[in-house]
N, C-alpha and C. Protein backbone atom coordinates (compact mmCIF):
# COMPACT_ATOMS: atom_id res chain seq x y z
N UNK A 1 0.69 -1.39 0.43
CA UNK A 1 0.02 -0.32 0.10
C UNK A 1 0.74 1.30 0.03
N UNK A 2 1.99 1.15 0.94
CA UNK A 2 2.40 2.45 0.86
C UNK A 2 3.55 2.36 -0.08
N UNK A 3 3.57 1.58 -1.04
CA UNK A 3 4.98 1.51 -2.47
C UNK A 3 3.82 2.02 -3.30
N UNK A 4 2.66 1.69 -3.33
CA UNK A 4 1.95 2.09 -4.24
C UNK A 4 1.07 3.82 -4.11
N UNK A 5 1.30 3.93 -3.21
CA UNK A 5 0.60 5.54 -2.77
C UNK A 5 1.99 6.31 -3.13
N UNK A 6 3.36 5.69 -2.47
CA UNK A 6 4.54 6.78 -2.76
C UNK A 6 4.94 6.47 -4.31
N UNK A 7 4.43 5.64 -5.32
CA UNK A 7 4.28 5.75 -6.94
C UNK A 7 3.20 6.58 -7.42
N UNK A 8 1.64 6.63 -6.83
CA UNK A 8 0.97 7.91 -7.35
C UNK A 8 1.58 8.82 -6.96
N UNK A 9 2.11 9.27 -5.62
CA UNK A 9 2.61 10.45 -5.66
C UNK A 9 3.59 11.05 -6.24
N UNK A 10 4.44 10.17 -6.93
CA UNK A 10 6.32 10.58 -7.44
C UNK A 10 5.42 10.81 -8.91
N UNK A 11 4.49 10.10 -9.40
CA UNK A 11 3.56 10.05 -11.05
C UNK A 11 2.93 11.75 -11.02
N UNK A 12 2.54 12.02 -9.91
CA UNK A 12 1.82 13.23 -9.92
C UNK A 12 2.98 14.16 -9.83
N UNK A 13 4.09 14.37 -8.99
CA UNK A 13 5.18 15.00 -9.02
C UNK A 13 5.50 15.29 -10.58
N UNK A 14 6.07 14.26 -11.10
CA UNK A 14 6.84 14.35 -12.44
C UNK A 14 5.43 15.01 -13.68
N UNK A 15 4.16 14.48 -13.50
CA UNK A 15 3.44 14.87 -14.21
C UNK A 15 3.18 16.44 -14.24
N UNK A 16 3.11 17.02 -12.90
CA UNK A 16 2.98 18.44 -12.80
C UNK A 16 4.25 19.05 -13.26
N UNK A 17 5.12 18.47 -12.78
CA UNK A 17 7.04 19.10 -13.19
C UNK A 17 6.93 19.14 -14.92
N UNK A 18 6.19 18.54 -15.44
CA UNK A 18 6.16 18.88 -17.03
C UNK A 18 5.10 19.51 -17.44
N UNK A 19 4.45 20.10 -16.73
CA UNK A 19 3.76 21.27 -17.12
C UNK A 19 4.70 22.35 -17.33
N UNK A 20 3.89 23.62 -18.44
CA UNK A 20 4.82 24.63 -18.29
C UNK A 20 3.79 25.94 -18.27
N UNK A 21 4.30 27.19 -18.00
CA UNK A 21 3.52 27.88 -17.41
C UNK A 21 3.34 28.77 -18.60
N UNK A 22 1.82 28.74 -18.64
CA UNK A 22 1.61 30.18 -19.72
C UNK A 22 2.58 30.99 -19.95
N UNK A 23 2.75 31.40 -21.18
CA UNK A 23 3.65 32.39 -21.54
C UNK A 23 2.91 33.80 -21.28
N UNK A 24 3.65 34.72 -20.50
CA UNK A 24 2.83 36.07 -20.54
C UNK A 24 1.97 36.72 -21.58
N UNK A 25 0.97 37.13 -21.26
CA UNK A 25 0.26 37.99 -22.48
C UNK A 25 1.16 39.47 -22.64
N UNK A 26 1.36 39.58 -23.97
CA UNK A 26 2.21 41.09 -23.98
C UNK A 26 1.17 41.80 -23.98
N UNK A 27 1.93 43.21 -23.37
CA UNK A 27 1.00 44.41 -23.10
C UNK A 27 0.66 44.99 -24.66
N UNK A 28 0.15 45.75 -24.53
CA UNK A 28 -0.33 46.64 -25.98
C UNK A 28 0.94 47.36 -26.22
N UNK A 29 1.36 47.92 -25.09
CA UNK A 29 2.68 48.80 -25.56
C UNK A 29 3.97 48.01 -26.26
N UNK A 30 3.93 46.77 -25.70
CA UNK A 30 5.17 45.86 -26.16
C UNK A 30 4.48 45.50 -27.64
N UNK A 31 3.22 45.21 -27.94
CA UNK A 31 3.07 44.94 -29.35
C UNK A 31 3.12 45.95 -30.24
N UNK A 32 2.83 46.90 -30.13
CA UNK A 32 2.99 48.69 -30.62
C UNK A 32 4.41 48.54 -30.93
N UNK A 33 5.22 48.35 -29.83
CA UNK A 33 6.80 48.89 -30.04
C UNK A 33 7.40 47.76 -31.42
N UNK A 34 7.15 46.34 -31.18
CA UNK A 34 7.21 45.71 -32.51
C UNK A 34 6.73 45.75 -33.73
N UNK A 35 5.43 46.15 -33.54
CA UNK A 35 4.73 46.50 -34.99
C UNK A 35 5.29 48.02 -35.36
N UNK A 36 5.90 48.96 -35.20
CA UNK A 36 6.27 50.44 -35.48
C UNK A 36 7.90 50.25 -35.56
N UNK A 37 7.97 50.97 -36.96
CA UNK A 37 9.51 50.68 -37.26
C UNK A 37 9.56 52.09 -38.14
N UNK A 38 10.73 53.11 -37.88
CA UNK A 38 10.65 54.41 -38.75
C UNK A 38 11.85 53.91 -39.69
N UNK A 39 11.62 54.80 -40.72
CA UNK A 39 12.61 54.70 -41.80
C UNK A 39 13.01 55.93 -42.20
N UNK A 40 14.63 55.96 -42.85
CA UNK A 40 15.11 57.25 -42.69
C UNK A 40 14.67 57.85 -44.40
N UNK A 41 13.32 58.23 -44.75
CA UNK A 41 12.84 58.69 -45.68
C UNK A 41 12.00 59.52 -45.79
N UNK A 42 12.09 60.81 -46.75
CA UNK A 42 11.38 61.87 -46.45
C UNK A 42 10.09 61.56 -46.60
N UNK A 43 9.96 61.08 -47.78
CA UNK A 43 8.35 60.81 -48.57
C UNK A 43 7.37 59.30 -48.17
N UNK A 44 6.55 60.14 -47.71
CA UNK A 44 5.87 58.85 -47.28
C UNK A 44 5.46 57.98 -48.22
N UNK A 45 5.13 58.30 -49.74
CA UNK A 45 4.80 57.68 -50.66
C UNK A 45 5.88 56.85 -51.30
N UNK A 46 7.12 56.81 -50.97
CA UNK A 46 8.06 56.13 -51.30
C UNK A 46 8.15 54.67 -50.16
N UNK A 47 7.47 55.01 -49.01
CA UNK A 47 7.64 53.72 -47.98
C UNK A 47 6.32 53.21 -48.53
N UNK A 48 5.08 53.78 -48.83
CA UNK A 48 4.08 53.12 -49.32
C UNK A 48 3.98 52.32 -50.04
N UNK A 49 4.67 52.82 -51.19
CA UNK A 49 4.93 51.75 -52.56
C UNK A 49 5.55 50.50 -52.31
N UNK A 50 6.71 51.01 -51.16
CA UNK A 50 7.73 49.41 -50.72
C UNK A 50 6.92 48.19 -50.04
N UNK A 51 5.79 49.12 -49.43
CA UNK A 51 5.06 48.48 -48.35
C UNK A 51 4.16 47.58 -49.68
N UNK A 52 3.52 47.93 -50.17
CA UNK A 52 2.54 47.90 -51.57
C UNK A 52 3.45 46.37 -52.14
N UNK A 53 4.68 46.64 -52.61
CA UNK A 53 5.28 45.95 -53.21
C UNK A 53 5.66 44.60 -52.71
N UNK A 54 6.33 44.91 -51.30
CA UNK A 54 6.40 43.71 -50.17
C UNK A 54 5.11 42.71 -49.81
N UNK A 55 4.16 43.46 -49.63
CA UNK A 55 2.62 42.78 -49.61
C UNK A 55 2.53 41.98 -50.67
N UNK A 56 2.46 42.36 -52.26
CA UNK A 56 1.96 41.55 -53.33
C UNK A 56 2.96 40.65 -53.51
N UNK A 57 4.41 40.75 -53.04
CA UNK A 57 5.03 39.90 -53.15
C UNK A 57 5.26 38.53 -52.55
N UNK A 58 4.45 39.03 -51.09
CA UNK A 58 4.14 37.75 -50.45
C UNK A 58 2.88 37.25 -50.46
N UNK A 59 1.88 37.51 -51.61
CA UNK A 59 0.57 37.00 -52.05
C UNK A 59 -0.48 37.74 -51.77
N UNK A 60 -0.74 38.97 -51.05
CA UNK A 60 -1.73 39.79 -50.68
C UNK A 60 -2.26 40.25 -51.70
N UNK A 61 -3.55 40.75 -51.38
CA UNK A 61 -4.16 41.44 -52.35
C UNK A 61 -4.37 42.85 -51.67
N UNK A 62 -4.07 43.88 -52.17
CA UNK A 62 -4.57 45.42 -51.42
C UNK A 62 -5.92 45.43 -52.20
N UNK A 63 -6.21 45.97 -50.73
CA UNK A 63 -7.74 46.08 -50.78
C UNK A 63 -8.13 47.56 -50.84
N UNK A 64 -6.93 48.51 -50.27
CA UNK A 64 -7.26 50.00 -50.15
C UNK A 64 -6.32 50.34 -50.05
N UNK A 65 -5.94 51.49 -50.65
CA UNK A 65 -4.95 52.59 -50.42
C UNK A 65 -5.27 53.87 -50.27
N UNK A 66 -5.29 54.84 -48.84
CA UNK A 66 -5.15 56.28 -49.17
C UNK A 66 -4.23 56.91 -48.98
N UNK A 67 -3.38 57.15 -50.10
CA UNK A 67 -1.98 57.80 -50.03
C UNK A 67 -2.10 59.16 -49.25
N UNK A 68 -2.86 60.16 -49.03
CA UNK A 68 -2.80 61.15 -48.59
C UNK A 68 -3.16 60.93 -46.87
N UNK A 69 -3.58 59.69 -46.35
CA UNK A 69 -3.61 59.32 -45.14
C UNK A 69 -2.35 58.45 -44.91
N UNK A 70 -1.60 58.03 -46.08
CA UNK A 70 -0.81 56.66 -45.64
C UNK A 70 -1.20 55.44 -45.28
N UNK A 71 -2.54 55.15 -45.52
CA UNK A 71 -3.26 54.15 -44.93
C UNK A 71 -3.18 53.00 -46.00
N UNK A 72 -3.11 51.55 -45.94
CA UNK A 72 -2.97 50.47 -46.77
C UNK A 72 -3.36 49.61 -46.06
N UNK A 73 -4.23 48.68 -46.87
CA UNK A 73 -4.90 47.28 -46.22
C UNK A 73 -4.69 46.50 -47.22
N UNK A 74 -4.46 45.13 -47.15
CA UNK A 74 -4.50 44.24 -47.77
C UNK A 74 -4.98 42.69 -46.99
N UNK A 75 -5.45 41.58 -47.75
CA UNK A 75 -5.53 40.39 -47.44
C UNK A 75 -4.80 39.33 -47.99
N UNK A 76 -4.69 38.17 -47.33
CA UNK A 76 -4.07 37.20 -48.44
C UNK A 76 -4.69 35.56 -47.45
N UNK A 77 -5.15 34.81 -48.25
CA UNK A 77 -6.07 33.78 -47.94
C UNK A 77 -5.38 32.61 -48.32
N UNK A 78 -5.26 31.71 -47.40
CA UNK A 78 -4.43 30.34 -47.65
C UNK A 78 -5.47 29.08 -47.36
N UNK A 79 -5.21 28.38 -48.28
CA UNK A 79 -6.31 26.83 -48.17
C UNK A 79 -5.54 25.83 -47.07
N UNK A 80 -6.05 25.85 -46.03
CA UNK A 80 -5.36 24.89 -45.06
C UNK A 80 -6.40 23.56 -44.75
N UNK A 81 -7.30 23.25 -45.98
CA UNK A 81 -7.96 22.38 -45.62
C UNK A 81 -7.51 20.99 -45.60
N UNK A 82 -7.69 20.17 -44.44
CA UNK A 82 -7.18 19.08 -44.56
C UNK A 82 -8.03 17.63 -44.99
N UNK A 83 -7.72 17.03 -46.16
CA UNK A 83 -8.88 16.01 -46.56
C UNK A 83 -9.15 14.96 -45.86
N UNK A 84 -7.94 14.66 -44.56
CA UNK A 84 -8.40 13.69 -43.72
C UNK A 84 -9.57 14.30 -42.60
N UNK A 85 -9.00 15.55 -42.16
CA UNK A 85 -10.37 16.17 -41.27
C UNK A 85 -11.52 16.24 -41.92
N UNK A 86 -11.62 17.02 -43.09
CA UNK A 86 -13.01 17.41 -43.97
C UNK A 86 -13.62 15.80 -43.66
N UNK A 87 -12.75 14.62 -44.42
CA UNK A 87 -13.24 13.23 -44.16
C UNK A 87 -14.22 12.97 -43.00
N UNK A 88 -13.36 12.85 -42.16
CA UNK A 88 -13.68 12.74 -40.66
C UNK A 88 -14.75 13.45 -40.23
N UNK A 89 -14.82 14.59 -40.34
CA UNK A 89 -15.79 15.69 -39.99
C UNK A 89 -17.37 15.29 -40.58
N UNK A 90 -17.31 15.01 -41.63
CA UNK A 90 -18.35 14.91 -42.64
C UNK A 90 -19.07 13.40 -42.44
N UNK A 91 -17.90 12.68 -42.16
CA UNK A 91 -17.97 10.86 -41.47
C UNK A 91 -19.30 11.13 -40.30
N UNK A 92 -18.89 11.63 -39.47
CA UNK A 92 -19.35 11.68 -38.17
C UNK A 92 -20.52 12.66 -38.09
N UNK A 93 -20.25 13.91 -38.58
CA UNK A 93 -21.42 15.02 -38.46
C UNK A 93 -22.64 15.33 -39.67
N UNK A 94 -22.20 14.76 -40.83
CA UNK A 94 -22.96 14.85 -42.20
C UNK A 94 -23.12 16.13 -42.63
N UNK A 95 -23.87 16.97 -42.91
CA UNK A 95 -24.30 17.91 -43.55
C UNK A 95 -23.64 19.09 -42.58
N UNK A 96 -23.95 18.71 -41.23
CA UNK A 96 -23.72 19.56 -40.44
C UNK A 96 -22.25 19.96 -39.74
N UNK A 97 -21.22 19.12 -40.66
CA UNK A 97 -20.07 19.25 -40.47
C UNK A 97 -19.00 20.45 -40.64
N UNK A 98 -18.42 20.72 -39.34
CA UNK A 98 -17.46 21.73 -39.73
C UNK A 98 -15.74 21.77 -39.36
N UNK A 99 -15.05 21.99 -40.48
CA UNK A 99 -13.85 21.62 -40.58
C UNK A 99 -12.99 23.08 -40.89
N UNK A 100 -11.65 23.06 -40.94
CA UNK A 100 -11.07 24.21 -41.03
C UNK A 100 -10.81 24.22 -42.55
N UNK A 101 -11.21 25.06 -43.30
CA UNK A 101 -11.04 25.46 -44.77
C UNK A 101 -10.01 26.30 -45.28
N UNK A 102 -9.95 27.54 -44.62
CA UNK A 102 -9.02 28.82 -45.07
C UNK A 102 -8.62 29.88 -43.75
N UNK A 103 -7.21 30.26 -43.97
CA UNK A 103 -6.50 30.80 -43.03
C UNK A 103 -6.60 32.22 -43.87
N UNK A 104 -6.98 33.22 -43.41
CA UNK A 104 -7.15 34.57 -44.03
C UNK A 104 -6.33 35.74 -43.02
N UNK A 105 -5.06 35.96 -43.65
CA UNK A 105 -4.70 37.28 -43.04
C UNK A 105 -4.94 38.65 -43.26
N UNK A 106 -4.73 39.50 -42.58
CA UNK A 106 -5.25 40.83 -42.98
C UNK A 106 -4.36 42.03 -42.13
N UNK A 107 -3.68 42.78 -43.08
CA UNK A 107 -2.61 43.41 -43.07
C UNK A 107 -2.94 45.02 -43.06
N UNK A 108 -2.97 45.60 -42.12
CA UNK A 108 -3.05 47.26 -42.11
C UNK A 108 -1.83 47.77 -41.83
N UNK A 109 -1.49 49.29 -42.53
CA UNK A 109 -0.08 49.78 -42.42
C UNK A 109 -0.58 51.08 -42.61
N UNK A 110 -0.17 51.58 -41.46
CA UNK A 110 -0.16 53.18 -41.42
C UNK A 110 1.13 53.79 -41.57
N UNK A 111 1.46 54.93 -42.56
CA UNK A 111 2.43 55.75 -42.51
C UNK A 111 2.39 56.78 -42.57
N UNK A 112 3.45 57.50 -41.58
CA UNK A 112 3.18 59.28 -41.33
C UNK A 112 4.76 59.91 -41.41
N UNK A 113 4.92 61.00 -41.83
CA UNK A 113 5.99 61.77 -41.63
C UNK A 113 6.39 62.57 -40.55
N UNK A 114 7.61 62.05 -39.95
CA UNK A 114 8.45 62.41 -39.02
C UNK A 114 9.73 63.52 -38.95
N UNK A 115 9.68 64.89 -39.43
CA UNK A 115 10.74 65.19 -39.77
C UNK A 115 11.37 64.94 -41.18
N UNK A 116 12.36 63.88 -41.06
CA UNK A 116 13.03 63.07 -42.03
C UNK A 116 13.11 62.01 -42.18
N UNK A 117 12.06 61.41 -41.48
CA UNK A 117 11.92 60.10 -41.44
C UNK A 117 10.41 59.66 -41.72
N UNK A 118 9.84 58.45 -42.00
CA UNK A 118 8.66 58.01 -42.23
C UNK A 118 8.70 56.97 -40.87
N UNK A 119 7.70 56.90 -40.25
CA UNK A 119 7.12 55.78 -39.20
C UNK A 119 6.47 55.07 -39.75
N UNK A 120 6.45 53.77 -39.34
CA UNK A 120 5.42 52.83 -39.88
C UNK A 120 5.12 51.81 -38.65
N UNK A 121 3.51 51.96 -39.08
CA UNK A 121 3.09 50.78 -37.87
C UNK A 121 1.96 49.69 -38.89
N UNK A 122 2.57 48.64 -38.68
CA UNK A 122 1.84 47.92 -39.38
C UNK A 122 1.33 46.77 -38.32
N UNK A 123 0.20 46.02 -38.64
CA UNK A 123 -0.59 45.20 -37.88
C UNK A 123 -1.33 44.10 -38.60
N UNK A 124 -0.93 42.86 -38.39
CA UNK A 124 -1.67 41.50 -39.39
C UNK A 124 -2.28 40.79 -38.15
N UNK A 125 -4.06 40.42 -38.54
CA UNK A 125 -4.68 39.55 -38.25
C UNK A 125 -5.01 38.22 -38.69
N UNK A 126 -5.17 37.34 -37.91
CA UNK A 126 -5.26 36.20 -38.62
C UNK A 126 -6.21 35.41 -38.24
N UNK A 127 -7.27 35.03 -39.29
CA UNK A 127 -8.41 34.32 -39.08
C UNK A 127 -8.32 32.92 -39.48
N UNK A 128 -8.95 31.71 -39.01
CA UNK A 128 -9.18 30.81 -39.89
C UNK A 128 -10.96 30.60 -39.60
N UNK A 129 -11.03 30.11 -40.81
CA UNK A 129 -12.65 29.95 -41.32
C UNK A 129 -12.66 28.59 -41.40
N UNK A 130 -14.19 28.09 -41.44
CA UNK A 130 -14.27 26.92 -41.64
C UNK A 130 -15.04 26.77 -43.23
N UNK A 131 -15.40 25.60 -43.44
CA UNK A 131 -16.09 25.33 -44.40
C UNK A 131 -17.29 25.94 -45.15
N UNK A 132 -17.73 26.51 -43.85
CA UNK A 132 -19.13 27.33 -43.91
C UNK A 132 -18.88 28.67 -44.16
N UNK A 133 -17.82 29.23 -44.04
CA UNK A 133 -17.45 30.56 -43.82
C UNK A 133 -17.48 31.06 -42.70
N UNK A 134 -17.81 30.41 -41.53
CA UNK A 134 -18.01 30.83 -40.29
C UNK A 134 -16.26 31.10 -39.81
N UNK A 135 -16.00 31.89 -38.66
CA UNK A 135 -14.95 32.34 -37.93
C UNK A 135 -14.71 31.29 -36.62
N UNK A 136 -13.72 30.46 -37.14
CA UNK A 136 -13.22 29.25 -36.05
C UNK A 136 -12.20 30.06 -35.22
N UNK A 137 -11.19 30.95 -35.47
CA UNK A 137 -10.32 31.47 -34.71
C UNK A 137 -9.84 32.93 -35.11
N UNK A 138 -9.97 33.89 -34.42
CA UNK A 138 -9.35 35.12 -34.45
C UNK A 138 -7.85 35.47 -33.52
N UNK A 139 -6.86 36.12 -34.11
CA UNK A 139 -6.37 36.42 -33.18
C UNK A 139 -5.12 37.50 -33.66
N UNK A 140 -4.69 38.48 -32.94
CA UNK A 140 -3.85 39.02 -33.59
C UNK A 140 -2.50 38.63 -33.71
N UNK A 141 -1.49 38.67 -34.80
CA UNK A 141 -0.63 38.20 -34.82
C UNK A 141 0.56 39.14 -34.07
N UNK A 142 1.06 38.65 -32.92
CA UNK A 142 2.17 39.34 -31.89
C UNK A 142 3.43 38.55 -31.88
N UNK A 143 3.48 38.07 -32.99
CA UNK A 143 5.19 37.36 -32.93
C UNK A 143 6.48 38.44 -33.55
N UNK A 144 7.19 38.85 -32.71
CA UNK A 144 8.25 39.90 -32.98
C UNK A 144 8.78 39.74 -34.13
N UNK A 145 9.23 38.38 -34.67
CA UNK A 145 9.58 37.92 -35.86
C UNK A 145 9.23 38.20 -36.88
N UNK A 146 7.87 37.66 -37.15
CA UNK A 146 7.19 38.19 -37.90
C UNK A 146 7.14 39.26 -38.64
N UNK A 147 6.95 40.45 -37.62
CA UNK A 147 7.29 41.65 -37.95
C UNK A 147 8.93 42.17 -38.44
N UNK A 148 9.73 41.46 -37.73
CA UNK A 148 10.85 42.05 -37.92
C UNK A 148 11.24 41.21 -39.61
N UNK A 149 11.07 40.45 -39.64
CA UNK A 149 11.06 40.03 -41.48
C UNK A 149 10.22 40.73 -42.22
N UNK A 150 8.84 41.32 -41.99
CA UNK A 150 8.47 42.15 -42.76
C UNK A 150 8.82 43.26 -43.22
N UNK A 151 9.20 44.12 -41.87
CA UNK A 151 9.98 45.27 -41.75
C UNK A 151 11.41 45.15 -42.57
N UNK A 152 12.23 44.15 -42.64
CA UNK A 152 13.46 43.74 -42.98
C UNK A 152 12.97 43.92 -45.00
N UNK A 153 11.98 43.11 -45.07
CA UNK A 153 11.64 43.10 -46.86
C UNK A 153 11.11 44.59 -47.24
N UNK A 154 10.70 45.49 -46.29
CA UNK A 154 10.16 46.61 -46.84
C UNK A 154 11.43 47.56 -46.72
N UNK A 155 12.29 47.22 -45.85
CA UNK A 155 14.10 48.01 -46.00
C UNK A 155 14.59 47.84 -47.06
N UNK A 156 14.39 46.36 -47.48
CA UNK A 156 14.83 46.16 -49.00
C UNK A 156 14.51 46.79 -50.25
N UNK A 157 12.82 46.66 -50.26
CA UNK A 157 12.22 47.46 -51.42
C UNK A 157 12.66 48.57 -51.24
N UNK A 158 12.29 49.76 -50.05
CA UNK A 158 13.06 50.82 -50.25
C UNK A 158 14.48 51.01 -50.80
N UNK A 159 15.19 50.21 -50.66
CA UNK A 159 16.62 50.43 -50.87
C UNK A 159 16.45 50.12 -52.46
N UNK A 160 15.76 49.16 -52.84
CA UNK A 160 15.77 49.16 -54.55
C UNK A 160 15.17 50.41 -54.97
N UNK A 161 14.02 50.79 -54.27
CA UNK A 161 13.20 52.26 -55.07
C UNK A 161 14.51 53.27 -54.98
N UNK A 162 15.20 53.49 -54.06
CA UNK A 162 15.78 54.54 -54.20
C UNK A 162 16.86 54.41 -55.18
N UNK A 163 17.41 53.44 -55.74
CA UNK A 163 18.59 52.78 -56.82
C UNK A 163 17.81 52.89 -57.93
N UNK A 164 16.37 53.07 -58.12
CA UNK A 164 15.85 53.08 -59.40
C UNK A 164 15.83 51.81 -59.98
N UNK A 165 15.50 50.69 -59.18
CA UNK A 165 15.64 49.12 -59.43
C UNK A 165 14.13 48.85 -59.49
């Protein structure tokens, strides 16, 4: 009896030790910090054009550009349907089945001029849609690396524009 109680206690401690604490949520200020980048360019239209090029190169469809306000919005849709998941859902739920169909990433960028530079804030939101068009998941992209890669591409695009390429 004592051995089985000891085994249960040790097992419980091992399982508890394996669990990880949830990652602390980022504050809005932290998110805004990595969503914002300053480029040493005087003309916001050059930066806006560079962002347009980057988003189009990455497969986004530009929905709206208001150059006077420095505003840009674009959307990218990716098919994420798994045939196995779809089959299982239909098999068990019939015509009422819901399964992941598409991932939609919406981008909104704002450019503003500050002295001899342009400040850019980009925001990406990811939606997962089901086969009936309903939203299964909606979340703001808060991965700092994602934004670093985006701004790196914008920086390269600005350089190419300045070189006339």
